[in-house]
Amino acid sequence: MDLTTKYLGMTLKNPLIVSASPLTAYIDNLRRMELAGAAAVVLPSLFEEQIELQGMGVDKVTPMNQKNLPDALQHLPEMKGYNRGANGYLAHIYQAKKAVSIPVIASLNGYYSGGWVQYARLIEAAGADAMELNIYYLATKPNISSQEIEEMYLHLVRDVKAAVSIPVAIKLSPYFSALANMASRLDNMGADGLVLFNRFYQPDFDLETRGVVSSLDLSSQAELRLRLRWTAVLSGILKADLLVTGGVEQGTDIVKSMMAGAKATAVASVLLKNGIEYIKTLLTELEEWLVAHDEESITGIQGVMSQKSVTDPAAFERANYMNVLKSLEE
């Protein structure tokens, strides 16, 4: 069975990538992922704020120095040990490349170019095979328009692409009012890939202390549908490769993603739930489905369920909404 696929110009042995998570922060885990069959790994994100702290000569945030930080950095937690700081992140890339033979993808998390360009160059020099820009910006300021936010994304991609020669993928949120247009503009700006989608972690309320508390809900299979829909819509109109992440929990979820037009899928939550060895289960289920349906390769099913390929393209748009409502009456 030929499971090979191409993503960001790299030939992968199969379409299963391990997404950025605490699991990929440890070299031993990366080795286990490769042995289990992972085709590539994405390292945990280096945060824009960590880069800024590095530039200020601050190794870590403590209660003593936090009050002396600029207002834009007052929100930072201690983040003890996370990524070992900006310089430690570069060392982690170098060590990861020595430890495994599969592609190692770095991740930058932020929302404006700032120190990103400098660190993008350093990440490339450290040996990363590709880079994922995890642009995490919550549009809460009423004086900032959607156009300004979109331009911020585009300028960031332009600046980073001009600074490095390795492939660059953009991890997007699904909340753009004209997502297809935004994806097309990023494609035209030179993005090598789009990762669908980022998950915005929502805070909760503590009713006793009346405080806002951080919460983490791992992704569920129900989230896959949003990814499938937009992958199917975009795959027929973009040059950039598409990667589905969020909600992939079974081998058949990989099949669905490939049929929608993705070049690969990324998993994290399902490994946090079931362990790294679950990679083997996902790949076994994928192969079993392909064998049962007389498919000889992954490339043979890529895009067969994209909006451009299906007999009823309207099923991805308003027709889906009306059909769902109609089914409730039956």
C-alpha atoms as a PDB file:
ATOM      1  CA  MET A   1       0.000   0.000   0.000  1.00  0.00           C
ATOM      2  CA  ASP A   2       1.443   3.369  -1.055  1.00  0.00           C
ATOM      3  CA  LEU A   3       0.721   5.873   1.711  1.00  0.00           C
ATOM      4  CA  THR A   4       3.176   8.526   0.515  1.00  0.00           C
ATOM      5  CA  THR A   5       1.994  12.085   0.049  1.00  0.00           C
ATOM      6  CA  LYS A   6       3.578  15.475  -0.590  1.00  0.00           C
ATOM      7  CA  TYR A   7       3.161  18.322   1.881  1.00  0.00           C
ATOM      8  CA  LEU A   8       5.048  21.641   1.728  1.00  0.00           C
ATOM      9  CA  GLY A   9       7.240  20.187  -0.989  1.00  0.00           C
ATOM     10  CA  MET A  10       8.314  17.326   1.302  1.00  0.00           C
ATOM     11  CA  THR A  11       7.618  13.692   0.464  1.00  0.00           C
ATOM     12  CA  LEU A  12       6.067  12.101   3.542  1.00  0.00           C
ATOM     13  CA  LYS A  13       5.871   8.334   4.064  1.00  0.00           C
ATOM     14  CA  ASN A  14       2.210   8.721   5.068  1.00  0.00           C
ATOM     15  CA  PRO A  15      -0.237  11.575   5.758  1.00  0.00           C
ATOM     16  CA  LEU A  16      -0.010  11.451   9.578  1.00  0.00           C
ATOM     17  CA  ILE A  17       1.836  14.336  11.240  1.00  0.00           C
ATOM     18  CA  VAL A  18       2.067  14.895  14.992  1.00  0.00           C
ATOM     19  CA  SER A  19       0.863  18.412  15.717  1.00  0.00           C
ATOM     20  CA  ALA A  20       2.408  20.894  18.141  1.00  0.00           C
ATOM     21  CA  SER A  21       1.731  19.870  21.741  1.00  0.00           C
ATOM     22  CA  PRO A  22       3.614  19.220  24.983  1.00  0.00           C
ATOM     23  CA  LEU A  23       4.342  15.734  23.627  1.00  0.00           C
ATOM     24  CA  THR A  24       6.735  17.072  20.989  1.00  0.00           C
ATOM     25  CA  ALA A  25       8.750  18.994  23.578  1.00  0.00           C
ATOM     26  CA  TYR A  26      10.760  15.872  24.457  1.00  0.00           C
ATOM     27  CA  ILE A  27      13.350  14.202  22.256  1.00  0.00           C
ATOM     28  CA  ASP A  28      12.495  10.700  23.489  1.00  0.00           C
ATOM     29  CA  ASN A  29       8.874  11.276  22.473  1.00  0.00           C
ATOM     30  CA  LEU A  30       9.948  12.338  18.995  1.00  0.00           C
ATOM     31  CA  ARG A  31      11.881   9.078  18.622  1.00  0.00           C
ATOM     32  CA  ARG A  32       8.824   7.095  19.760  1.00  0.00           C
ATOM     33  CA  MET A  33       6.636   8.976  17.281  1.00  0.00           C
ATOM     34  CA  GLU A  34       8.959   8.116  14.422  1.00  0.00           C
ATOM     35  CA  LEU A  35       9.063   4.450  15.452  1.00  0.00           C
ATOM     36  CA  ALA A  36       5.268   4.369  15.697  1.00  0.00           C
ATOM     37  CA  GLY A  37       5.042   5.604  12.099  1.00  0.00           C
ATOM     38  CA  ALA A  38       4.573   9.380  12.245  1.00  0.00           C
ATOM     39  CA  ALA A  39       5.569  11.024   8.966  1.00  0.00           C
ATOM     40  CA  ALA A  40       6.632  14.358  10.513  1.00  0.00           C
ATOM     41  CA  VAL A  41       6.457  16.267  13.797  1.00  0.00           C
ATOM     42  CA  VAL A  42       5.571  19.857  14.652  1.00  0.00           C
ATOM     43  CA  LEU A  43       7.427  21.176  17.679  1.00  0.00           C
ATOM     44  CA  PRO A  44       5.608  23.178  20.392  1.00  0.00           C
ATOM     45  CA  SER A  45       5.142  26.838  19.542  1.00  0.00           C
ATOM     46  CA  LEU A  46       7.704  29.481  20.351  1.00  0.00           C
ATOM     47  CA  PHE A  47       5.633  32.458  21.483  1.00  0.00           C
ATOM     48  CA  GLU A  48       6.137  35.979  20.226  1.00  0.00           C
ATOM     49  CA  GLU A  49       6.251  37.101  23.861  1.00  0.00           C
ATOM     50  CA  GLN A  50       9.186  34.791  24.547  1.00  0.00           C
ATOM     51  CA  ILE A  51      11.071  36.397  21.689  1.00  0.00           C
ATOM     52  CA  GLU A  52      10.347  39.851  23.133  1.00  0.00           C
ATOM     53  CA  LEU A  53      11.561  38.793  26.576  1.00  0.00           C
ATOM     54  CA  GLN A  54      14.733  37.421  25.014  1.00  0.00           C
ATOM     55  CA  GLY A  55      15.340  40.790  23.346  1.00  0.00           C
ATOM     56  CA  MET A  56      14.927  42.526  26.713  1.00  0.00           C
ATOM     57  CA  GLY A  57      17.441  40.200  28.346  1.00  0.00           C
ATOM     58  CA  VAL A  58      14.750  38.605  30.556  1.00  0.00           C
ATOM     59  CA  ASP A  59      15.083  34.836  30.896  1.00  0.00           C
ATOM     60  CA  LYS A  60      11.740  34.241  32.583  1.00  0.00           C
ATOM     61  CA  VAL A  61       8.791  36.048  34.144  1.00  0.00           C
ATOM     62  CA  THR A  62       8.757  36.210  37.946  1.00  0.00           C
ATOM     63  CA  PRO A  63       6.522  38.135  40.372  1.00  0.00           C
ATOM     64  CA  MET A  64       9.499  40.397  41.023  1.00  0.00           C
ATOM     65  CA  ASN A  65      10.178  41.458  37.428  1.00  0.00           C
ATOM     66  CA  GLN A  66       6.662  41.204  36.014  1.00  0.00           C
ATOM     67  CA  LYS A  67       5.672  44.680  37.216  1.00  0.00           C
ATOM     68  CA  ASN A  68       8.634  46.156  35.321  1.00  0.00           C
ATOM     69  CA  LEU A  69       7.634  44.646  31.993  1.00  0.00           C
ATOM     70  CA  PRO A  70       5.878  46.690  29.277  1.00  0.00           C
ATOM     71  CA  ASP A  71       2.070  46.698  29.407  1.00  0.00           C
ATOM     72  CA  ALA A  72       1.950  44.380  26.391  1.00  0.00           C
ATOM     73  CA  LEU A  73       3.797  41.699  28.402  1.00  0.00           C
ATOM     74  CA  GLN A  74       2.071  42.122  31.767  1.00  0.00           C
ATOM     75  CA  HIS A  75      -0.251  39.206  31.001  1.00  0.00           C
ATOM     76  CA  LEU A  76       2.535  36.644  30.764  1.00  0.00           C
ATOM     77  CA  PRO A  77       2.522  33.718  33.204  1.00  0.00           C
ATOM     78  CA  GLU A  78       5.789  32.340  34.544  1.00  0.00           C
ATOM     79  CA  MET A  79       5.891  29.624  31.837  1.00  0.00           C
ATOM     80  CA  LYS A  80       8.575  27.841  33.831  1.00  0.00           C
ATOM     81  CA  GLY A  81      10.508  25.512  31.583  1.00  0.00           C
ATOM     82  CA  TYR A  82       8.251  26.033  28.560  1.00  0.00           C
ATOM     83  CA  ASN A  83      10.440  25.595  25.454  1.00  0.00           C
ATOM     84  CA  ARG A  84      13.447  26.580  27.583  1.00  0.00           C
ATOM     85  CA  GLY A  85      13.063  30.140  26.284  1.00  0.00           C
ATOM     86  CA  ALA A  86      13.718  31.488  22.804  1.00  0.00           C
ATOM     87  CA  ASN A  87      17.330  30.308  22.574  1.00  0.00           C
ATOM     88  CA  GLY A  88      16.435  26.941  24.069  1.00  0.00           C
ATOM     89  CA  TYR A  89      13.873  26.500  21.300  1.00  0.00           C
ATOM     90  CA  LEU A  90      16.603  26.723  18.681  1.00  0.00           C
ATOM     91  CA  ALA A  91      18.601  24.102  20.555  1.00  0.00           C
ATOM     92  CA  HIS A  92      15.528  21.843  20.641  1.00  0.00           C
ATOM     93  CA  ILE A  93      15.220  22.047  16.845  1.00  0.00           C
ATOM     94  CA  TYR A  94      18.869  21.125  16.433  1.00  0.00           C
ATOM     95  CA  GLN A  95      18.570  18.185  18.847  1.00  0.00           C
ATOM     96  CA  ALA A  96      15.342  16.999  17.214  1.00  0.00           C
ATOM     97  CA  LYS A  97      16.967  16.945  13.773  1.00  0.00           C
ATOM     98  CA  LYS A  98      19.806  14.815  15.142  1.00  0.00           C
ATOM     99  CA  ALA A  99      17.393  12.424  16.865  1.00  0.00           C
ATOM    100  CA  VAL A 100      14.933  11.613  14.048  1.00  0.00           C
ATOM    101  CA  SER A 101      15.042  11.252  10.280  1.00  0.00           C
ATOM    102  CA  ILE A 102      11.477  12.452   9.612  1.00  0.00           C
ATOM    103  CA  PRO A 103      10.836  16.154   8.888  1.00  0.00           C
ATOM    104  CA  VAL A 104      10.842  18.502  11.863  1.00  0.00           C
ATOM    105  CA  ILE A 105       8.517  21.505  11.564  1.00  0.00           C
ATOM    106  CA  ALA A 106       8.985  24.505  13.859  1.00  0.00           C
ATOM    107  CA  SER A 107       6.068  26.626  15.093  1.00  0.00           C
ATOM    108  CA  LEU A 108       5.939  30.366  15.790  1.00  0.00           C
ATOM    109  CA  ASN A 109       2.941  31.742  17.680  1.00  0.00           C
ATOM    110  CA  GLY A 110       2.025  35.430  17.586  1.00  0.00           C
ATOM    111  CA  TYR A 111       0.286  38.109  15.554  1.00  0.00           C
ATOM    112  CA  TYR A 112       2.741  40.700  14.254  1.00  0.00           C
ATOM    113  CA  SER A 113       6.104  40.525  12.558  1.00  0.00           C
ATOM    114  CA  GLY A 114       8.263  42.089  15.327  1.00  0.00           C
ATOM    115  CA  GLY A 115      11.026  39.609  16.128  1.00  0.00           C
ATOM    116  CA  TRP A 116       9.459  36.885  14.018  1.00  0.00           C
ATOM    117  CA  VAL A 117      11.600  37.562  10.990  1.00  0.00           C
ATOM    118  CA  GLN A 118      14.835  37.337  12.970  1.00  0.00           C
ATOM    119  CA  TYR A 119      13.779  34.111  14.648  1.00  0.00           C
ATOM    120  CA  ALA A 120      12.438  32.674  11.422  1.00  0.00           C
ATOM    121  CA  ARG A 121      15.980  32.942  10.064  1.00  0.00           C
ATOM    122  CA  LEU A 122      17.435  31.389  13.218  1.00  0.00           C
ATOM    123  CA  ILE A 123      14.892  28.557  13.097  1.00  0.00           C
ATOM    124  CA  GLU A 124      15.931  27.809   9.523  1.00  0.00           C
ATOM    125  CA  ALA A 125      19.595  27.916  10.528  1.00  0.00           C
ATOM    126  CA  ALA A 126      18.891  25.502  13.411  1.00  0.00           C
ATOM    127  CA  GLY A 127      17.783  22.934  10.835  1.00  0.00           C
ATOM    128  CA  ALA A 128      13.977  23.018  10.744  1.00  0.00           C
ATOM    129  CA  ASP A 129      12.589  21.470   7.555  1.00  0.00           C
ATOM    130  CA  ALA A 130       9.596  23.817   7.497  1.00  0.00           C
ATOM    131  CA  MET A 131       7.832  26.403   9.611  1.00  0.00           C
ATOM    132  CA  GLU A 132       4.264  26.804  10.837  1.00  0.00           C
ATOM    133  CA  LEU A 133       3.078  30.331  11.642  1.00  0.00           C
ATOM    134  CA  ASN A 134       0.412  29.950  14.307  1.00  0.00           C
ATOM    135  CA  ILE A 135      -1.191  33.390  14.082  1.00  0.00           C
ATOM    136  CA  TYR A 136      -3.257  33.714  17.245  1.00  0.00           C
ATOM    137  CA  TYR A 137      -5.060  37.051  17.418  1.00  0.00           C
ATOM    138  CA  LEU A 138      -8.404  37.688  19.068  1.00  0.00           C
ATOM    139  CA  ALA A 139     -10.039  40.747  17.487  1.00  0.00           C
ATOM    140  CA  THR A 140     -11.417  42.407  20.629  1.00  0.00           C
ATOM    141  CA  LYS A 141     -10.516  46.041  19.887  1.00  0.00           C
ATOM    142  CA  PRO A 142     -13.465  47.866  18.267  1.00  0.00           C
ATOM    143  CA  ASN A 143     -11.183  50.412  16.597  1.00  0.00           C
ATOM    144  CA  ILE A 144      -9.359  47.732  14.554  1.00  0.00           C
ATOM    145  CA  SER A 145     -11.172  46.731  11.376  1.00  0.00           C
ATOM    146  CA  SER A 146     -11.263  43.346   9.716  1.00  0.00           C
ATOM    147  CA  GLN A 147      -9.260  44.807   6.838  1.00  0.00           C
ATOM    148  CA  GLU A 148      -6.459  45.840   9.203  1.00  0.00           C
ATOM    149  CA  ILE A 149      -6.363  42.369  10.742  1.00  0.00           C
ATOM    150  CA  GLU A 150      -6.190  40.708   7.337  1.00  0.00           C
ATOM    151  CA  GLU A 151      -3.398  43.048   6.261  1.00  0.00           C
ATOM    152  CA  MET A 152      -1.505  42.155   9.439  1.00  0.00           C
ATOM    153  CA  TYR A 153      -1.646  38.455   8.470  1.00  0.00           C
ATOM    154  CA  LEU A 154      -0.584  39.167   4.903  1.00  0.00           C
ATOM    155  CA  HIS A 155       2.344  41.375   5.903  1.00  0.00           C
ATOM    156  CA  LEU A 156       3.531  38.766   8.376  1.00  0.00           C
ATOM    157  CA  VAL A 157       3.527  36.065   5.717  1.00  0.00           C
ATOM    158  CA  ARG A 158       5.247  38.389   3.240  1.00  0.00           C
ATOM    159  CA  ASP A 159       8.003  39.298   5.716  1.00  0.00           C
ATOM    160  CA  VAL A 160       8.697  35.735   6.856  1.00  0.00           C
ATOM    161  CA  LYS A 161       8.608  34.299   3.335  1.00  0.00           C
ATOM    162  CA  ALA A 162      11.123  36.926   2.226  1.00  0.00           C
ATOM    163  CA  ALA A 163      13.452  35.982   5.082  1.00  0.00           C
ATOM    164  CA  VAL A 164      13.641  32.186   4.729  1.00  0.00           C
ATOM    165  CA  SER A 165      13.888  29.559   2.012  1.00  0.00           C
ATOM    166  CA  ILE A 166      12.190  26.697   3.891  1.00  0.00           C
ATOM    167  CA  PRO A 167       8.431  26.135   3.338  1.00  0.00           C
ATOM    168  CA  VAL A 168       6.050  28.212   5.447  1.00  0.00           C
ATOM    169  CA  ALA A 169       2.531  27.104   6.422  1.00  0.00           C
ATOM    170  CA  ILE A 170      -0.073  29.356   8.040  1.00  0.00           C
ATOM    171  CA  LYS A 171      -2.264  27.989  10.828  1.00  0.00           C
ATOM    172  CA  LEU A 172      -5.573  29.780  10.380  1.00  0.00           C
ATOM    173  CA  SER A 173      -8.660  30.261  12.496  1.00  0.00           C
ATOM    174  CA  PRO A 174     -12.080  29.688  10.871  1.00  0.00           C
ATOM    175  CA  TYR A 175     -13.402  33.089  11.979  1.00  0.00           C
ATOM    176  CA  PHE A 176     -12.673  35.277   8.946  1.00  0.00           C
ATOM    177  CA  SER A 177     -15.859  36.724   7.476  1.00  0.00           C
ATOM    178  CA  ALA A 178     -14.620  35.848   3.966  1.00  0.00           C
ATOM    179  CA  LEU A 179     -12.400  32.844   4.605  1.00  0.00           C
ATOM    180  CA  ALA A 180     -12.074  31.772   0.977  1.00  0.00           C
ATOM    181  CA  ASN A 181     -10.913  35.256  -0.001  1.00  0.00           C
ATOM    182  CA  MET A 182      -8.420  35.391   2.868  1.00  0.00           C
ATOM    183  CA  ALA A 183      -7.062  31.954   2.025  1.00  0.00           C
ATOM    184  CA  SER A 184      -6.658  32.989  -1.600  1.00  0.00           C
ATOM    185  CA  ARG A 185      -4.768  36.148  -0.628  1.00  0.00           C
ATOM    186  CA  LEU A 186      -2.420  34.182   1.626  1.00  0.00           C
ATOM    187  CA  ASP A 187      -1.923  31.747  -1.245  1.00  0.00           C
ATOM    188  CA  ASN A 188      -1.033  34.630  -3.565  1.00  0.00           C
ATOM    189  CA  MET A 189       1.318  36.047  -0.910  1.00  0.00           C
ATOM    190  CA  GLY A 190       3.349  32.848  -1.168  1.00  0.00           C
ATOM    191  CA  ALA A 191       2.117  30.679   1.705  1.00  0.00           C
ATOM    192  CA  ASP A 192       3.204  27.108   0.976  1.00  0.00           C
ATOM    193  CA  GLY A 193       0.454  25.594   3.068  1.00  0.00           C
ATOM    194  CA  LEU A 194      -2.625  26.372   5.169  1.00  0.00           C
ATOM    195  CA  VAL A 195      -3.360  24.494   8.392  1.00  0.00           C
ATOM    196  CA  LEU A 196      -7.098  24.210   9.092  1.00  0.00           C
ATOM    197  CA  PHE A 197      -7.784  25.150  11.859  1.00  0.00           C
ATOM    198  CA  ASN A 198      -6.353  26.809  14.925  1.00  0.00           C
ATOM    199  CA  ARG A 199      -8.373  26.312  18.111  1.00  0.00           C
ATOM    200  CA  PHE A 200      -8.992  29.348  20.322  1.00  0.00           C
ATOM    201  CA  TYR A 201      -8.967  28.102  23.917  1.00  0.00           C
ATOM    202  CA  GLN A 202     -11.870  29.691  25.792  1.00  0.00           C
ATOM    203  CA  PRO A 203     -11.516  30.837  29.423  1.00  0.00           C
ATOM    204  CA  ASP A 204     -14.015  29.824  32.090  1.00  0.00           C
ATOM    205  CA  PHE A 205     -15.401  31.594  35.175  1.00  0.00           C
ATOM    206  CA  ASP A 206     -14.732  30.569  38.759  1.00  0.00           C
ATOM    207  CA  LEU A 207     -18.024  31.433  40.468  1.00  0.00           C
ATOM    208  CA  GLU A 208     -16.532  31.365  43.980  1.00  0.00           C
ATOM    209  CA  THR A 209     -13.533  33.614  43.389  1.00  0.00           C
ATOM    210  CA  ARG A 210     -15.163  35.463  40.470  1.00  0.00           C
ATOM    211  CA  GLY A 211     -11.944  35.000  38.583  1.00  0.00           C
ATOM    212  CA  VAL A 212     -11.300  34.165  34.942  1.00  0.00           C
ATOM    213  CA  VAL A 213      -9.565  30.801  34.730  1.00  0.00           C
ATOM    214  CA  SER A 214      -7.822  29.061  31.863  1.00  0.00           C
ATOM    215  CA  SER A 215      -9.342  25.808  30.661  1.00  0.00           C
ATOM    216  CA  LEU A 216      -8.338  23.155  28.178  1.00  0.00           C
ATOM    217  CA  ASP A 217     -10.712  20.935  26.262  1.00  0.00           C
ATOM    218  CA  LEU A 218      -9.040  18.462  23.942  1.00  0.00           C
ATOM    219  CA  SER A 219     -10.460  18.369  20.422  1.00  0.00           C
ATOM    220  CA  SER A 220     -13.269  15.945  19.592  1.00  0.00           C
ATOM    221  CA  GLN A 221     -14.275  14.148  16.418  1.00  0.00           C
ATOM    222  CA  ALA A 222     -17.235  16.520  15.956  1.00  0.00           C
ATOM    223  CA  GLU A 223     -14.768  19.320  15.163  1.00  0.00           C
ATOM    224  CA  LEU A 224     -13.598  17.512  12.054  1.00  0.00           C
ATOM    225  CA  ARG A 225     -16.679  18.503  10.046  1.00  0.00           C
ATOM    226  CA  LEU A 226     -15.752  22.185   9.936  1.00  0.00           C
ATOM    227  CA  ARG A 227     -12.283  21.238   8.687  1.00  0.00           C
ATOM    228  CA  LEU A 228     -13.648  18.865   6.054  1.00  0.00           C
ATOM    229  CA  ARG A 229     -16.040  21.455   4.709  1.00  0.00           C
ATOM    230  CA  TRP A 230     -13.441  24.193   4.252  1.00  0.00           C
ATOM    231  CA  THR A 231     -10.790  21.806   2.984  1.00  0.00           C
ATOM    232  CA  ALA A 232     -13.243  20.602   0.348  1.00  0.00           C
ATOM    233  CA  VAL A 233     -14.086  24.195  -0.614  1.00  0.00           C
ATOM    234  CA  LEU A 234     -10.507  25.475  -0.743  1.00  0.00           C
ATOM    235  CA  SER A 235      -8.633  22.499  -2.176  1.00  0.00           C
ATOM    236  CA  GLY A 236      -9.859  23.114  -5.697  1.00  0.00           C
ATOM    237  CA  ILE A 237      -8.934  26.797  -5.792  1.00  0.00           C
ATOM    238  CA  LEU A 238      -5.549  27.111  -4.035  1.00  0.00           C
ATOM    239  CA  LYS A 239      -1.978  26.234  -4.953  1.00  0.00           C
ATOM    240  CA  ALA A 240      -1.031  25.962  -1.256  1.00  0.00           C
ATOM    241  CA  ASP A 241      -1.179  22.544   0.391  1.00  0.00           C
ATOM    242  CA  LEU A 242      -3.895  21.985   2.997  1.00  0.00           C
ATOM    243  CA  LEU A 243      -3.376  20.244   6.338  1.00  0.00           C
ATOM    244  CA  VAL A 244      -6.339  19.162   8.479  1.00  0.00           C
ATOM    245  CA  THR A 245      -5.852  19.378  12.242  1.00  0.00           C
ATOM    246  CA  GLY A 246      -8.486  19.015  14.955  1.00  0.00           C
ATOM    247  CA  GLY A 247     -10.898  16.128  15.325  1.00  0.00           C
ATOM    248  CA  VAL A 248      -8.840  13.382  13.667  1.00  0.00           C
ATOM    249  CA  GLU A 249      -9.373  10.367  15.939  1.00  0.00           C
ATOM    250  CA  GLN A 250      -9.693   7.375  13.590  1.00  0.00           C
ATOM    251  CA  GLY A 251      -8.094   6.118  10.415  1.00  0.00           C
ATOM    252  CA  THR A 252     -11.311   6.905   8.559  1.00  0.00           C
ATOM    253  CA  ASP A 253     -10.926  10.553   9.615  1.00  0.00           C
ATOM    254  CA  ILE A 254      -7.647  10.581   7.696  1.00  0.00           C
ATOM    255  CA  VAL A 255      -9.481   9.103   4.702  1.00  0.00           C
ATOM    256  CA  LYS A 256     -12.139  11.815   4.863  1.00  0.00           C
ATOM    257  CA  SER A 257      -9.500  14.540   5.075  1.00  0.00           C
ATOM    258  CA  MET A 258      -7.652  13.182   2.052  1.00  0.00           C
ATOM    259  CA  MET A 259     -10.884  12.927   0.075  1.00  0.00           C
ATOM    260  CA  ALA A 260     -11.676  16.544   0.915  1.00  0.00           C
ATOM    261  CA  GLY A 261      -8.360  17.532  -0.628  1.00  0.00           C
ATOM    262  CA  ALA A 262      -5.889  17.671   2.256  1.00  0.00           C
ATOM    263  CA  LYS A 263      -2.306  16.583   1.671  1.00  0.00           C
ATOM    264  CA  ALA A 264      -1.857  15.471   5.288  1.00  0.00           C
ATOM    265  CA  THR A 265      -3.504  15.414   8.708  1.00  0.00           C
ATOM    266  CA  ALA A 266      -2.126  16.394  12.116  1.00  0.00           C
ATOM    267  CA  VAL A 267      -2.999  14.854  15.485  1.00  0.00           C
ATOM    268  CA  ALA A 268      -2.315  15.832  19.086  1.00  0.00           C
ATOM    269  CA  SER A 269      -5.394  15.439  21.311  1.00  0.00           C
ATOM    270  CA  VAL A 270      -5.933  11.793  20.371  1.00  0.00           C
ATOM    271  CA  LEU A 271      -2.329  11.030  21.355  1.00  0.00           C
ATOM    272  CA  LEU A 272      -2.704  12.908  24.635  1.00  0.00           C
ATOM    273  CA  LYS A 273      -5.762  10.728  25.319  1.00  0.00           C
ATOM    274  CA  ASN A 274      -4.434   7.371  24.108  1.00  0.00           C
ATOM    275  CA  GLY A 275      -0.658   7.640  24.058  1.00  0.00           C
ATOM    276  CA  ILE A 276       1.950   7.941  21.316  1.00  0.00           C
ATOM    277  CA  GLU A 277       1.576   4.297  20.277  1.00  0.00           C
ATOM    278  CA  TYR A 278      -1.928   5.134  19.020  1.00  0.00           C
ATOM    279  CA  ILE A 279      -0.216   6.358  15.846  1.00  0.00           C
ATOM    280  CA  LYS A 280       0.096   2.681  14.869  1.00  0.00           C
ATOM    281  CA  THR A 281      -3.643   2.177  15.322  1.00  0.00           C
ATOM    282  CA  LEU A 282      -4.495   5.153  13.124  1.00  0.00           C
ATOM    283  CA  LEU A 283      -2.193   3.984  10.339  1.00  0.00           C
ATOM    284  CA  THR A 284      -3.474   0.394  10.566  1.00  0.00           C
ATOM    285  CA  GLU A 285      -7.072   1.616  10.293  1.00  0.00           C
ATOM    286  CA  LEU A 286      -6.096   3.790   7.317  1.00  0.00           C
ATOM    287  CA  GLU A 287      -4.492   0.866   5.482  1.00  0.00           C
ATOM    288  CA  GLU A 288      -7.387  -1.446   6.261  1.00  0.00           C
ATOM    289  CA  TRP A 289      -9.866   1.008   4.757  1.00  0.00           C
ATOM    290  CA  LEU A 290      -7.773   1.438   1.612  1.00  0.00           C
ATOM    291  CA  VAL A 291      -7.419  -2.325   1.171  1.00  0.00           C
ATOM    292  CA  ALA A 292     -11.132  -2.926   1.761  1.00  0.00           C
ATOM    293  CA  HIS A 293     -11.999  -0.368  -0.914  1.00  0.00           C
ATOM    294  CA  ASP A 294      -9.414  -1.535  -3.468  1.00  0.00           C
ATOM    295  CA  GLU A 295      -7.441   1.718  -3.275  1.00  0.00           C
ATOM    296  CA  GLU A 296      -3.756   1.386  -4.067  1.00  0.00           C
ATOM    297  CA  SER A 297      -2.523   4.753  -2.816  1.00  0.00           C
ATOM    298  CA  ILE A 298      -3.356   7.848  -0.804  1.00  0.00           C
ATOM    299  CA  THR A 299      -2.946  10.068  -3.845  1.00  0.00           C
ATOM    300  CA  GLY A 300      -5.682   8.087  -5.577  1.00  0.00           C
ATOM    301  CA  ILE A 301      -8.316   9.414  -3.172  1.00  0.00           C
ATOM    302  CA  GLN A 302      -7.019  12.951  -2.614  1.00  0.00           C
ATOM    303  CA  GLY A 303      -9.605  15.532  -3.576  1.00  0.00           C
ATOM    304  CA  VAL A 304     -12.313  13.137  -4.803  1.00  0.00           C
ATOM    305  CA  MET A 305     -14.785  14.728  -2.373  1.00  0.00           C
ATOM    306  CA  SER A 306     -13.703  18.337  -2.881  1.00  0.00           C
ATOM    307  CA  GLN A 307     -16.363  20.848  -3.858  1.00  0.00           C
ATOM    308  CA  LYS A 308     -14.804  21.013  -7.285  1.00  0.00           C
ATOM    309  CA  SER A 309     -15.145  17.237  -7.774  1.00  0.00           C
ATOM    310  CA  VAL A 310     -18.481  16.206  -6.253  1.00  0.00           C
ATOM    311  CA  THR A 311     -21.662  16.035  -8.295  1.00  0.00           C
ATOM    312  CA  ASP A 312     -23.513  18.330  -5.870  1.00  0.00           C
ATOM    313  CA  PRO A 313     -21.215  21.288  -4.978  1.00  0.00           C
ATOM    314  CA  ALA A 314     -24.115  23.093  -3.255  1.00  0.00           C
ATOM    315  CA  ALA A 315     -23.997  20.449  -0.515  1.00  0.00           C
ATOM    316  CA  PHE A 316     -21.128  22.395   1.064  1.00  0.00           C
ATOM    317  CA  GLU A 317     -23.089  25.656   1.164  1.00  0.00           C
ATOM    318  CA  ARG A 318     -26.689  26.652   2.028  1.00  0.00           C
ATOM    319  CA  ALA A 319     -28.149  23.387   0.775  1.00  0.00           C
ATOM    320  CA  ASN A 320     -26.509  21.590   3.696  1.00  0.00           C
ATOM    321  CA  TYR A 321     -28.275  23.857   6.186  1.00  0.00           C
ATOM    322  CA  MET A 322     -31.683  23.313   4.622  1.00  0.00           C
ATOM    323  CA  ASN A 323     -31.195  19.554   4.268  1.00  0.00           C
ATOM    324  CA  VAL A 324     -30.303  19.253   7.951  1.00  0.00           C
ATOM    325  CA  LEU A 325     -33.444  21.119   8.985  1.00  0.00           C
ATOM    326  CA  LYS A 326     -35.550  18.994   6.647  1.00  0.00           C
ATOM    327  CA  SER A 327     -34.120  15.786   8.146  1.00  0.00           C
ATOM    328  CA  LEU A 328     -35.411  16.812  11.597  1.00  0.00           C
ATOM    329  CA  GLU A 329     -38.984  16.678  10.301  1.00  0.00           C
ATOM    330  CA  GLU A 330     -38.659  13.151   8.944  1.00  0.00           C
END
